[in-house]
N, C-alpha and C. Protein backbone atom coordinates (compact mmCIF):
# COMPACT_ATOMS: atom_id res chain seq x y z
N MET A 1 135.06 -102.90 25.24
CA MET A 1 134.16 -102.78 26.39
C MET A 1 135.00 -102.71 27.67
N ASP A 2 134.78 -101.66 28.46
CA ASP A 2 135.50 -101.49 29.73
C ASP A 2 134.64 -102.09 30.84
N TRP A 3 134.85 -103.38 31.10
CA TRP A 3 134.03 -104.09 32.08
C TRP A 3 134.23 -103.56 33.49
N LYS A 4 135.47 -103.18 33.82
CA LYS A 4 135.73 -102.65 35.16
C LYS A 4 134.94 -101.36 35.40
N GLN A 5 134.92 -100.50 34.39
CA GLN A 5 134.20 -99.23 34.53
C GLN A 5 132.69 -99.48 34.63
N ALA A 6 132.16 -100.38 33.81
CA ALA A 6 130.72 -100.69 33.86
C ALA A 6 130.35 -101.27 35.22
N LYS A 7 131.21 -102.17 35.71
CA LYS A 7 130.97 -102.77 37.03
C LYS A 7 130.99 -101.69 38.12
N ALA A 8 131.96 -100.80 38.07
CA ALA A 8 132.07 -99.73 39.07
C ALA A 8 130.84 -98.83 39.03
N GLU A 9 130.37 -98.51 37.82
CA GLU A 9 129.18 -97.66 37.70
C GLU A 9 127.95 -98.35 38.28
N TYR A 10 127.82 -99.64 37.99
CA TYR A 10 126.65 -100.37 38.52
C TYR A 10 126.70 -100.43 40.04
N ILE A 11 127.86 -100.76 40.59
CA ILE A 11 128.00 -100.89 42.04
C ILE A 11 127.75 -99.54 42.72
N ALA A 12 128.20 -98.45 42.09
CA ALA A 12 127.99 -97.12 42.66
C ALA A 12 126.51 -96.78 42.74
N GLY A 13 125.69 -97.44 41.93
CA GLY A 13 124.24 -97.27 42.01
C GLY A 13 123.71 -96.23 41.04
N GLY A 14 122.39 -96.25 40.90
CA GLY A 14 121.73 -95.25 40.08
C GLY A 14 121.63 -95.59 38.61
N ILE A 15 122.14 -96.76 38.19
CA ILE A 15 122.05 -97.12 36.78
C ILE A 15 121.68 -98.60 36.66
N SER A 16 120.86 -98.88 35.69
CA SER A 16 120.37 -100.25 35.50
C SER A 16 121.26 -101.00 34.50
N TYR A 17 121.07 -102.32 34.42
CA TYR A 17 121.80 -103.12 33.44
C TYR A 17 121.49 -102.63 32.02
N ARG A 18 120.22 -102.34 31.77
CA ARG A 18 119.80 -101.90 30.44
C ARG A 18 120.53 -100.61 30.04
N LYS A 19 120.56 -99.62 30.94
CA LYS A 19 121.22 -98.35 30.62
C LYS A 19 122.73 -98.54 30.45
N LEU A 20 123.33 -99.41 31.27
CA LEU A 20 124.76 -99.70 31.11
C LEU A 20 125.04 -100.35 29.76
N ALA A 21 124.18 -101.31 29.40
CA ALA A 21 124.36 -102.00 28.12
C ALA A 21 124.27 -101.01 26.97
N ASP A 22 123.29 -100.12 27.01
CA ASP A 22 123.15 -99.10 25.97
C ASP A 22 124.39 -98.20 25.93
N LYS A 23 124.86 -97.79 27.12
CA LYS A 23 126.00 -96.88 27.20
C LYS A 23 127.27 -97.49 26.61
N TYR A 24 127.49 -98.79 26.87
CA TYR A 24 128.72 -99.44 26.44
C TYR A 24 128.56 -100.24 25.15
N GLY A 25 127.36 -100.21 24.54
CA GLY A 25 127.14 -100.87 23.27
C GLY A 25 127.24 -102.37 23.31
N VAL A 26 126.72 -102.95 24.37
CA VAL A 26 126.72 -104.40 24.52
C VAL A 26 125.29 -104.83 24.81
N SER A 27 124.97 -106.08 24.51
CA SER A 27 123.59 -106.53 24.77
C SER A 27 123.34 -106.61 26.28
N ARG A 28 122.10 -106.34 26.67
CA ARG A 28 121.74 -106.40 28.08
C ARG A 28 121.94 -107.83 28.60
N THR A 29 121.62 -108.82 27.79
CA THR A 29 121.75 -110.22 28.20
C THR A 29 123.21 -110.56 28.52
N LYS A 30 124.13 -110.10 27.65
CA LYS A 30 125.55 -110.36 27.88
C LYS A 30 126.04 -109.65 29.14
N LEU A 31 125.64 -108.40 29.30
CA LEU A 31 126.06 -107.63 30.48
C LEU A 31 125.49 -108.26 31.75
N GLN A 32 124.21 -108.64 31.71
CA GLN A 32 123.58 -109.22 32.89
C GLN A 32 124.20 -110.57 33.24
N ALA A 33 124.57 -111.35 32.24
CA ALA A 33 125.20 -112.64 32.50
C ALA A 33 126.53 -112.46 33.22
N ARG A 34 127.31 -111.49 32.74
CA ARG A 34 128.60 -111.23 33.39
C ARG A 34 128.38 -110.69 34.81
N ALA A 35 127.42 -109.78 34.95
CA ALA A 35 127.13 -109.21 36.26
C ALA A 35 126.71 -110.30 37.24
N THR A 36 125.90 -111.23 36.78
CA THR A 36 125.44 -112.33 37.64
C THR A 36 126.63 -113.21 38.03
N ARG A 37 127.47 -113.53 37.05
CA ARG A 37 128.63 -114.38 37.29
C ARG A 37 129.59 -113.74 38.32
N GLU A 38 129.75 -112.41 38.24
CA GLU A 38 130.68 -111.70 39.12
C GLU A 38 130.02 -111.16 40.39
N GLY A 39 128.71 -111.34 40.53
CA GLY A 39 128.02 -110.92 41.75
C GLY A 39 127.89 -109.42 41.92
N TRP A 40 127.62 -108.69 40.82
CA TRP A 40 127.51 -107.23 40.89
C TRP A 40 126.41 -106.78 41.84
N ALA A 41 125.28 -107.48 41.82
CA ALA A 41 124.14 -107.06 42.67
C ALA A 41 124.51 -107.14 44.15
N ASP A 42 125.22 -108.22 44.53
CA ASP A 42 125.64 -108.35 45.93
C ASP A 42 126.63 -107.26 46.30
N LEU A 43 127.54 -106.97 45.37
CA LEU A 43 128.52 -105.91 45.63
C LEU A 43 127.83 -104.56 45.77
N ARG A 44 126.80 -104.33 44.97
CA ARG A 44 126.05 -103.07 45.07
C ARG A 44 125.35 -102.98 46.43
N SER A 45 124.74 -104.10 46.85
CA SER A 45 124.07 -104.13 48.16
C SER A 45 125.07 -103.87 49.29
N GLN A 46 126.25 -104.47 49.20
CA GLN A 46 127.27 -104.25 50.21
C GLN A 46 127.72 -102.79 50.24
N ALA A 47 127.89 -102.20 49.06
CA ALA A 47 128.30 -100.80 48.99
C ALA A 47 127.23 -99.89 49.59
N GLU A 48 125.96 -100.19 49.29
CA GLU A 48 124.86 -99.40 49.86
C GLU A 48 124.81 -99.55 51.37
N ALA A 49 125.02 -100.77 51.87
CA ALA A 49 125.01 -100.99 53.32
C ALA A 49 126.15 -100.23 54.00
N LYS A 50 127.35 -100.24 53.37
CA LYS A 50 128.48 -99.50 53.94
C LYS A 50 128.19 -98.00 53.96
N ALA A 51 127.62 -97.49 52.86
CA ALA A 51 127.30 -96.07 52.79
C ALA A 51 126.27 -95.70 53.85
N GLU A 52 125.28 -96.56 54.04
CA GLU A 52 124.25 -96.31 55.05
C GLU A 52 124.85 -96.35 56.46
N ALA A 53 125.75 -97.30 56.70
CA ALA A 53 126.39 -97.40 58.01
C ALA A 53 127.23 -96.15 58.29
N LYS A 54 127.94 -95.66 57.26
CA LYS A 54 128.73 -94.43 57.44
C LYS A 54 127.84 -93.25 57.74
N LEU A 55 126.70 -93.18 57.06
CA LEU A 55 125.76 -92.09 57.30
C LEU A 55 125.23 -92.14 58.72
N VAL A 56 124.83 -93.32 59.17
CA VAL A 56 124.32 -93.48 60.54
C VAL A 56 125.40 -93.11 61.55
N GLU A 57 126.62 -93.55 61.30
CA GLU A 57 127.73 -93.24 62.21
C GLU A 57 127.98 -91.73 62.26
N SER A 58 127.92 -91.11 61.10
CA SER A 58 128.15 -89.66 61.03
C SER A 58 127.07 -88.90 61.80
N ILE A 59 125.81 -89.30 61.61
CA ILE A 59 124.71 -88.66 62.34
C ILE A 59 124.85 -88.91 63.83
N SER A 60 125.21 -90.13 64.19
CA SER A 60 125.38 -90.48 65.61
C SER A 60 126.50 -89.66 66.24
N ASP A 61 127.61 -89.52 65.53
CA ASP A 61 128.73 -88.72 66.04
C ASP A 61 128.30 -87.26 66.24
N ARG A 62 127.57 -86.73 65.27
CA ARG A 62 127.11 -85.35 65.36
C ARG A 62 126.17 -85.17 66.55
N ASP A 63 125.24 -86.13 66.72
CA ASP A 63 124.31 -86.06 67.85
C ASP A 63 125.04 -86.18 69.18
N ALA A 64 126.04 -87.06 69.24
CA ALA A 64 126.81 -87.23 70.48
C ALA A 64 127.55 -85.94 70.83
N LYS A 65 128.15 -85.31 69.83
CA LYS A 65 128.87 -84.05 70.06
C LYS A 65 127.88 -82.98 70.54
N SER A 66 126.73 -82.94 69.93
CA SER A 66 125.71 -81.97 70.33
C SER A 66 125.29 -82.20 71.78
N THR A 67 125.10 -83.47 72.14
CA THR A 67 124.72 -83.80 73.52
C THR A 67 125.80 -83.39 74.50
N VAL A 68 127.05 -83.64 74.14
CA VAL A 68 128.17 -83.24 75.01
C VAL A 68 128.18 -81.73 75.17
N ASP A 69 127.95 -81.00 74.07
CA ASP A 69 127.92 -79.54 74.13
C ASP A 69 126.80 -79.05 75.05
N ILE A 70 125.63 -79.65 74.91
CA ILE A 70 124.48 -79.26 75.74
C ILE A 70 124.77 -79.52 77.22
N ILE A 71 125.35 -80.68 77.51
CA ILE A 71 125.68 -81.00 78.90
C ILE A 71 126.73 -80.04 79.44
N GLY A 72 127.69 -79.66 78.61
CA GLY A 72 128.70 -78.68 79.03
C GLY A 72 128.07 -77.35 79.39
N VAL A 73 127.14 -76.89 78.56
CA VAL A 73 126.44 -75.64 78.83
C VAL A 73 125.60 -75.78 80.10
N ALA A 74 124.96 -76.92 80.26
CA ALA A 74 124.15 -77.15 81.46
C ALA A 74 125.03 -77.11 82.71
N ASP A 75 126.23 -77.66 82.62
CA ASP A 75 127.16 -77.61 83.76
C ASP A 75 127.53 -76.16 84.10
N LYS A 76 127.77 -75.36 83.06
CA LYS A 76 128.09 -73.94 83.29
C LYS A 76 126.91 -73.21 83.94
N LEU A 77 125.69 -73.53 83.47
CA LEU A 77 124.51 -72.92 84.08
C LEU A 77 124.37 -73.34 85.54
N LEU A 78 124.65 -74.58 85.81
CA LEU A 78 124.57 -75.06 87.19
C LEU A 78 125.56 -74.30 88.07
N ALA A 79 126.75 -74.06 87.57
CA ALA A 79 127.74 -73.30 88.34
C ALA A 79 127.23 -71.89 88.61
N LYS A 80 126.61 -71.26 87.60
CA LYS A 80 126.05 -69.92 87.77
C LYS A 80 124.95 -69.93 88.82
N ILE A 81 124.06 -70.91 88.72
CA ILE A 81 122.95 -71.01 89.68
C ILE A 81 123.51 -71.19 91.09
N SER A 82 124.53 -72.04 91.21
CA SER A 82 125.13 -72.28 92.53
C SER A 82 125.66 -70.99 93.14
N SER A 83 126.28 -70.14 92.30
CA SER A 83 126.84 -68.89 92.83
C SER A 83 125.75 -67.89 93.21
N VAL A 84 124.56 -68.01 92.60
CA VAL A 84 123.47 -67.07 92.86
C VAL A 84 122.61 -67.52 94.05
N VAL A 85 122.63 -68.80 94.37
CA VAL A 85 121.77 -69.34 95.42
C VAL A 85 121.95 -68.59 96.73
N GLU A 86 123.18 -68.30 97.08
CA GLU A 86 123.45 -67.62 98.35
C GLU A 86 122.81 -66.23 98.42
N ARG A 87 122.66 -65.60 97.26
CA ARG A 87 122.11 -64.24 97.24
C ARG A 87 120.60 -64.20 97.08
N ALA A 88 119.95 -65.34 96.80
CA ALA A 88 118.50 -65.36 96.62
C ALA A 88 117.84 -65.04 97.95
N LYS A 89 116.94 -64.07 97.92
CA LYS A 89 116.31 -63.64 99.16
C LYS A 89 114.80 -63.83 99.14
N THR A 90 114.17 -63.58 97.99
CA THR A 90 112.71 -63.65 97.95
C THR A 90 112.27 -65.05 97.53
N ALA A 91 111.03 -65.36 97.85
CA ALA A 91 110.45 -66.65 97.46
C ALA A 91 110.43 -66.78 95.94
N GLN A 92 110.17 -65.69 95.25
CA GLN A 92 110.13 -65.72 93.79
C GLN A 92 111.51 -66.06 93.22
N GLU A 93 112.57 -65.48 93.76
CA GLU A 93 113.92 -65.79 93.30
C GLU A 93 114.24 -67.27 93.53
N ILE A 94 113.84 -67.78 94.67
CA ILE A 94 114.09 -69.19 94.98
C ILE A 94 113.30 -70.09 94.03
N ARG A 95 112.03 -69.71 93.73
CA ARG A 95 111.23 -70.50 92.78
C ARG A 95 111.89 -70.51 91.40
N HIS A 96 112.41 -69.37 90.97
CA HIS A 96 113.09 -69.31 89.67
C HIS A 96 114.32 -70.22 89.65
N LEU A 97 115.08 -70.21 90.72
CA LEU A 97 116.26 -71.07 90.79
C LEU A 97 115.86 -72.55 90.80
N THR A 98 114.82 -72.86 91.55
CA THR A 98 114.33 -74.25 91.60
C THR A 98 113.87 -74.71 90.23
N SER A 99 113.15 -73.84 89.54
CA SER A 99 112.67 -74.16 88.20
C SER A 99 113.85 -74.38 87.25
N ALA A 100 114.86 -73.52 87.35
CA ALA A 100 116.05 -73.67 86.50
C ALA A 100 116.76 -74.98 86.80
N LEU A 101 116.83 -75.36 88.06
CA LEU A 101 117.46 -76.63 88.43
C LEU A 101 116.69 -77.82 87.87
N LYS A 102 115.35 -77.74 87.94
CA LYS A 102 114.54 -78.82 87.37
C LYS A 102 114.79 -78.93 85.87
N ASP A 103 114.87 -77.79 85.19
CA ASP A 103 115.15 -77.80 83.75
C ASP A 103 116.50 -78.43 83.46
N LEU A 104 117.51 -78.06 84.24
CA LEU A 104 118.85 -78.64 84.05
C LEU A 104 118.85 -80.14 84.30
N ARG A 105 118.13 -80.54 85.31
CA ARG A 105 118.03 -81.97 85.63
C ARG A 105 117.42 -82.73 84.44
N GLU A 106 116.39 -82.14 83.84
CA GLU A 106 115.75 -82.76 82.69
C GLU A 106 116.71 -82.81 81.49
N ILE A 107 117.42 -81.71 81.26
CA ILE A 107 118.38 -81.64 80.15
C ILE A 107 119.45 -82.72 80.31
N LYS A 108 119.91 -82.92 81.52
CA LYS A 108 120.98 -83.88 81.77
C LYS A 108 120.45 -85.31 81.90
N GLY A 109 119.12 -85.47 81.81
CA GLY A 109 118.54 -86.81 81.87
C GLY A 109 118.52 -87.42 83.24
N GLN A 110 118.57 -86.59 84.27
CA GLN A 110 118.55 -87.09 85.64
C GLN A 110 117.11 -87.10 86.13
N LYS A 111 116.74 -88.20 86.76
CA LYS A 111 115.38 -88.32 87.28
C LYS A 111 115.40 -88.43 88.79
N SER A 112 114.36 -87.91 89.40
CA SER A 112 114.25 -88.02 90.86
C SER A 112 113.82 -89.45 91.20
N GLU A 113 113.96 -89.79 92.47
CA GLU A 113 113.53 -91.11 92.95
C GLU A 113 112.06 -91.34 92.64
N ALA A 114 111.23 -90.31 92.89
CA ALA A 114 109.79 -90.44 92.64
C ALA A 114 109.51 -90.68 91.16
N ASP A 115 110.22 -89.97 90.27
CA ASP A 115 110.04 -90.17 88.83
C ASP A 115 110.42 -91.59 88.44
N MET A 116 111.52 -92.09 89.00
CA MET A 116 111.98 -93.44 88.68
C MET A 116 110.97 -94.49 89.14
N ARG A 117 110.44 -94.31 90.37
CA ARG A 117 109.44 -95.26 90.88
C ARG A 117 108.18 -95.24 90.02
N GLU A 118 107.75 -94.03 89.64
CA GLU A 118 106.56 -93.91 88.80
C GLU A 118 106.78 -94.59 87.45
N GLN A 119 107.94 -94.37 86.85
CA GLN A 119 108.23 -94.99 85.56
C GLN A 119 108.27 -96.51 85.68
N GLU A 120 108.89 -97.02 86.73
CA GLU A 120 108.95 -98.46 86.94
C GLU A 120 107.56 -99.05 87.14
N ALA A 121 106.70 -98.33 87.88
CA ALA A 121 105.33 -98.80 88.09
C ALA A 121 104.57 -98.85 86.76
N ARG A 122 104.76 -97.85 85.93
CA ARG A 122 104.10 -97.85 84.61
C ARG A 122 104.57 -99.03 83.76
N ILE A 123 105.88 -99.29 83.80
CA ILE A 123 106.43 -100.40 83.03
C ILE A 123 105.83 -101.72 83.51
N ARG A 124 105.77 -101.91 84.83
CA ARG A 124 105.18 -103.15 85.38
C ARG A 124 103.73 -103.31 84.95
N LYS A 125 102.96 -102.20 84.99
CA LYS A 125 101.56 -102.25 84.59
C LYS A 125 101.43 -102.63 83.12
N LEU A 126 102.26 -102.03 82.27
CA LEU A 126 102.23 -102.38 80.84
C LEU A 126 102.59 -103.84 80.63
N GLU A 127 103.59 -104.33 81.36
CA GLU A 127 103.97 -105.74 81.24
C GLU A 127 102.83 -106.65 81.64
N ARG A 128 102.13 -106.29 82.74
CA ARG A 128 100.97 -107.09 83.17
C ARG A 128 99.88 -107.07 82.12
N ASP A 129 99.61 -105.88 81.57
CA ASP A 129 98.56 -105.76 80.54
C ASP A 129 98.91 -106.60 79.32
N VAL A 130 100.16 -106.56 78.91
CA VAL A 130 100.58 -107.33 77.74
C VAL A 130 100.51 -108.82 78.03
N ALA A 131 100.92 -109.20 79.23
CA ALA A 131 100.92 -110.62 79.60
C ALA A 131 99.51 -111.16 79.82
N GLY A 132 98.55 -110.27 79.97
CA GLY A 132 97.18 -110.71 80.16
C GLY A 132 96.82 -111.00 81.60
N ASP A 133 97.65 -110.57 82.54
CA ASP A 133 97.37 -110.80 83.95
C ASP A 133 96.09 -110.11 84.39
N GLY A 134 95.68 -109.09 83.66
CA GLY A 134 94.48 -108.35 84.03
C GLY A 134 93.22 -108.97 83.45
N ALA A 135 93.31 -110.18 82.88
CA ALA A 135 92.14 -110.82 82.28
C ALA A 135 91.07 -111.03 83.32
N GLY A 136 89.87 -110.67 82.93
CA GLY A 136 88.76 -110.81 83.85
C GLY A 136 88.50 -109.57 84.66
N ASP A 137 89.49 -108.69 84.74
CA ASP A 137 89.28 -107.43 85.44
C ASP A 137 88.34 -106.57 84.62
N GLU A 138 87.69 -105.67 85.29
CA GLU A 138 86.79 -104.75 84.60
C GLU A 138 87.50 -103.46 84.23
N ARG A 139 88.80 -103.40 84.50
CA ARG A 139 89.55 -102.20 84.16
C ARG A 139 89.71 -102.12 82.64
N PRO A 140 89.62 -100.92 82.09
CA PRO A 140 89.80 -100.79 80.64
C PRO A 140 91.25 -101.08 80.26
N SER A 141 91.43 -101.71 79.09
CA SER A 141 92.78 -102.06 78.65
C SER A 141 93.41 -100.99 77.79
N GLY A 142 92.61 -100.06 77.31
CA GLY A 142 93.14 -99.04 76.42
C GLY A 142 93.04 -99.46 74.97
N ILE A 143 92.54 -100.65 74.73
CA ILE A 143 92.39 -101.14 73.36
C ILE A 143 90.91 -101.09 73.00
N VAL A 144 90.62 -100.50 71.87
CA VAL A 144 89.24 -100.39 71.40
C VAL A 144 89.12 -101.15 70.09
N LEU A 145 88.19 -102.08 70.02
CA LEU A 145 87.97 -102.83 68.80
C LEU A 145 86.84 -102.17 68.03
N LEU A 146 87.10 -101.86 66.77
CA LEU A 146 86.11 -101.22 65.93
C LEU A 146 85.60 -102.21 64.89
N PRO A 147 84.34 -102.09 64.49
CA PRO A 147 83.82 -103.00 63.47
C PRO A 147 84.44 -102.68 62.12
N MET A 148 84.50 -103.68 61.25
CA MET A 148 85.00 -103.47 59.90
C MET A 148 84.06 -102.53 59.16
N VAL A 149 84.60 -101.68 58.35
CA VAL A 149 83.81 -100.72 57.58
C VAL A 149 84.10 -100.95 56.11
N ALA A 150 83.07 -100.97 55.28
CA ALA A 150 83.24 -101.16 53.85
C ALA A 150 83.98 -99.96 53.26
N ASP A 151 84.73 -100.20 52.17
CA ASP A 151 85.48 -99.12 51.53
C ASP A 151 84.57 -98.01 51.03
N LYS A 152 83.49 -98.39 50.37
CA LYS A 152 82.58 -97.39 49.83
C LYS A 152 81.18 -97.67 50.38
N PRO A 153 80.51 -96.64 50.87
CA PRO A 153 79.16 -96.89 51.36
C PRO A 153 78.23 -97.23 50.20
N LYS A 154 77.32 -98.14 50.47
CA LYS A 154 76.36 -98.51 49.44
C LYS A 154 75.26 -97.46 49.39
N PRO A 155 74.82 -97.10 48.19
CA PRO A 155 73.73 -96.13 48.10
C PRO A 155 72.45 -96.76 48.63
N PRO A 156 71.57 -95.94 49.20
CA PRO A 156 70.31 -96.51 49.71
C PRO A 156 69.50 -97.11 48.56
N GLU A 157 68.89 -98.22 48.88
CA GLU A 157 68.08 -98.87 47.85
C GLU A 157 66.79 -98.07 47.65
N GLU A 158 66.47 -97.93 46.40
CA GLU A 158 65.21 -97.20 46.10
C GLU A 158 64.08 -98.18 45.97
N ASP A 159 62.89 -97.80 46.47
CA ASP A 159 61.75 -98.67 46.23
C ASP A 159 61.14 -98.29 44.90
N GLY A 160 60.50 -99.19 44.37
CA GLY A 160 59.88 -98.97 43.05
C GLY A 160 58.73 -98.02 43.08
N ASP A 161 58.34 -97.50 44.26
CA ASP A 161 57.17 -96.65 44.34
C ASP A 161 57.46 -95.22 43.89
N GLY A 162 58.66 -94.75 43.98
CA GLY A 162 58.86 -93.37 43.91
C GLY A 162 59.48 -92.76 42.80
């Protein structure tokens, strides 16, 4: 019996004690006893957690690179817009440039003072609502309580007349 190989297969995942026991020709009870003694289940959990952490890190790195690329392109667009601003003559051209600047600002995650104040006011209102400071007010809370509904409607009762 190659215990190291069986342990490695179990830790790698995808196989149960029963299938390992069948594969290596040993009783499930004997294999499970050894696995318990050596902490195979904990080692499998640790391996899964490491694999998940690597996956999250990989996705995060990819997203960060993508964000950097987008910001780089946005910077290049901003430079182009800056060079065209001097030549804009009509109101329509100016509106297009303004719209493009707003889009770039959104892409880069930059907010205007007014947007920031509005967001902060919304956050304060939500905090007050959650804290219950609005108790007694007649303002709607946004929460609607619905009555409990039975899983299956009961059929109408028949009278004996019909």
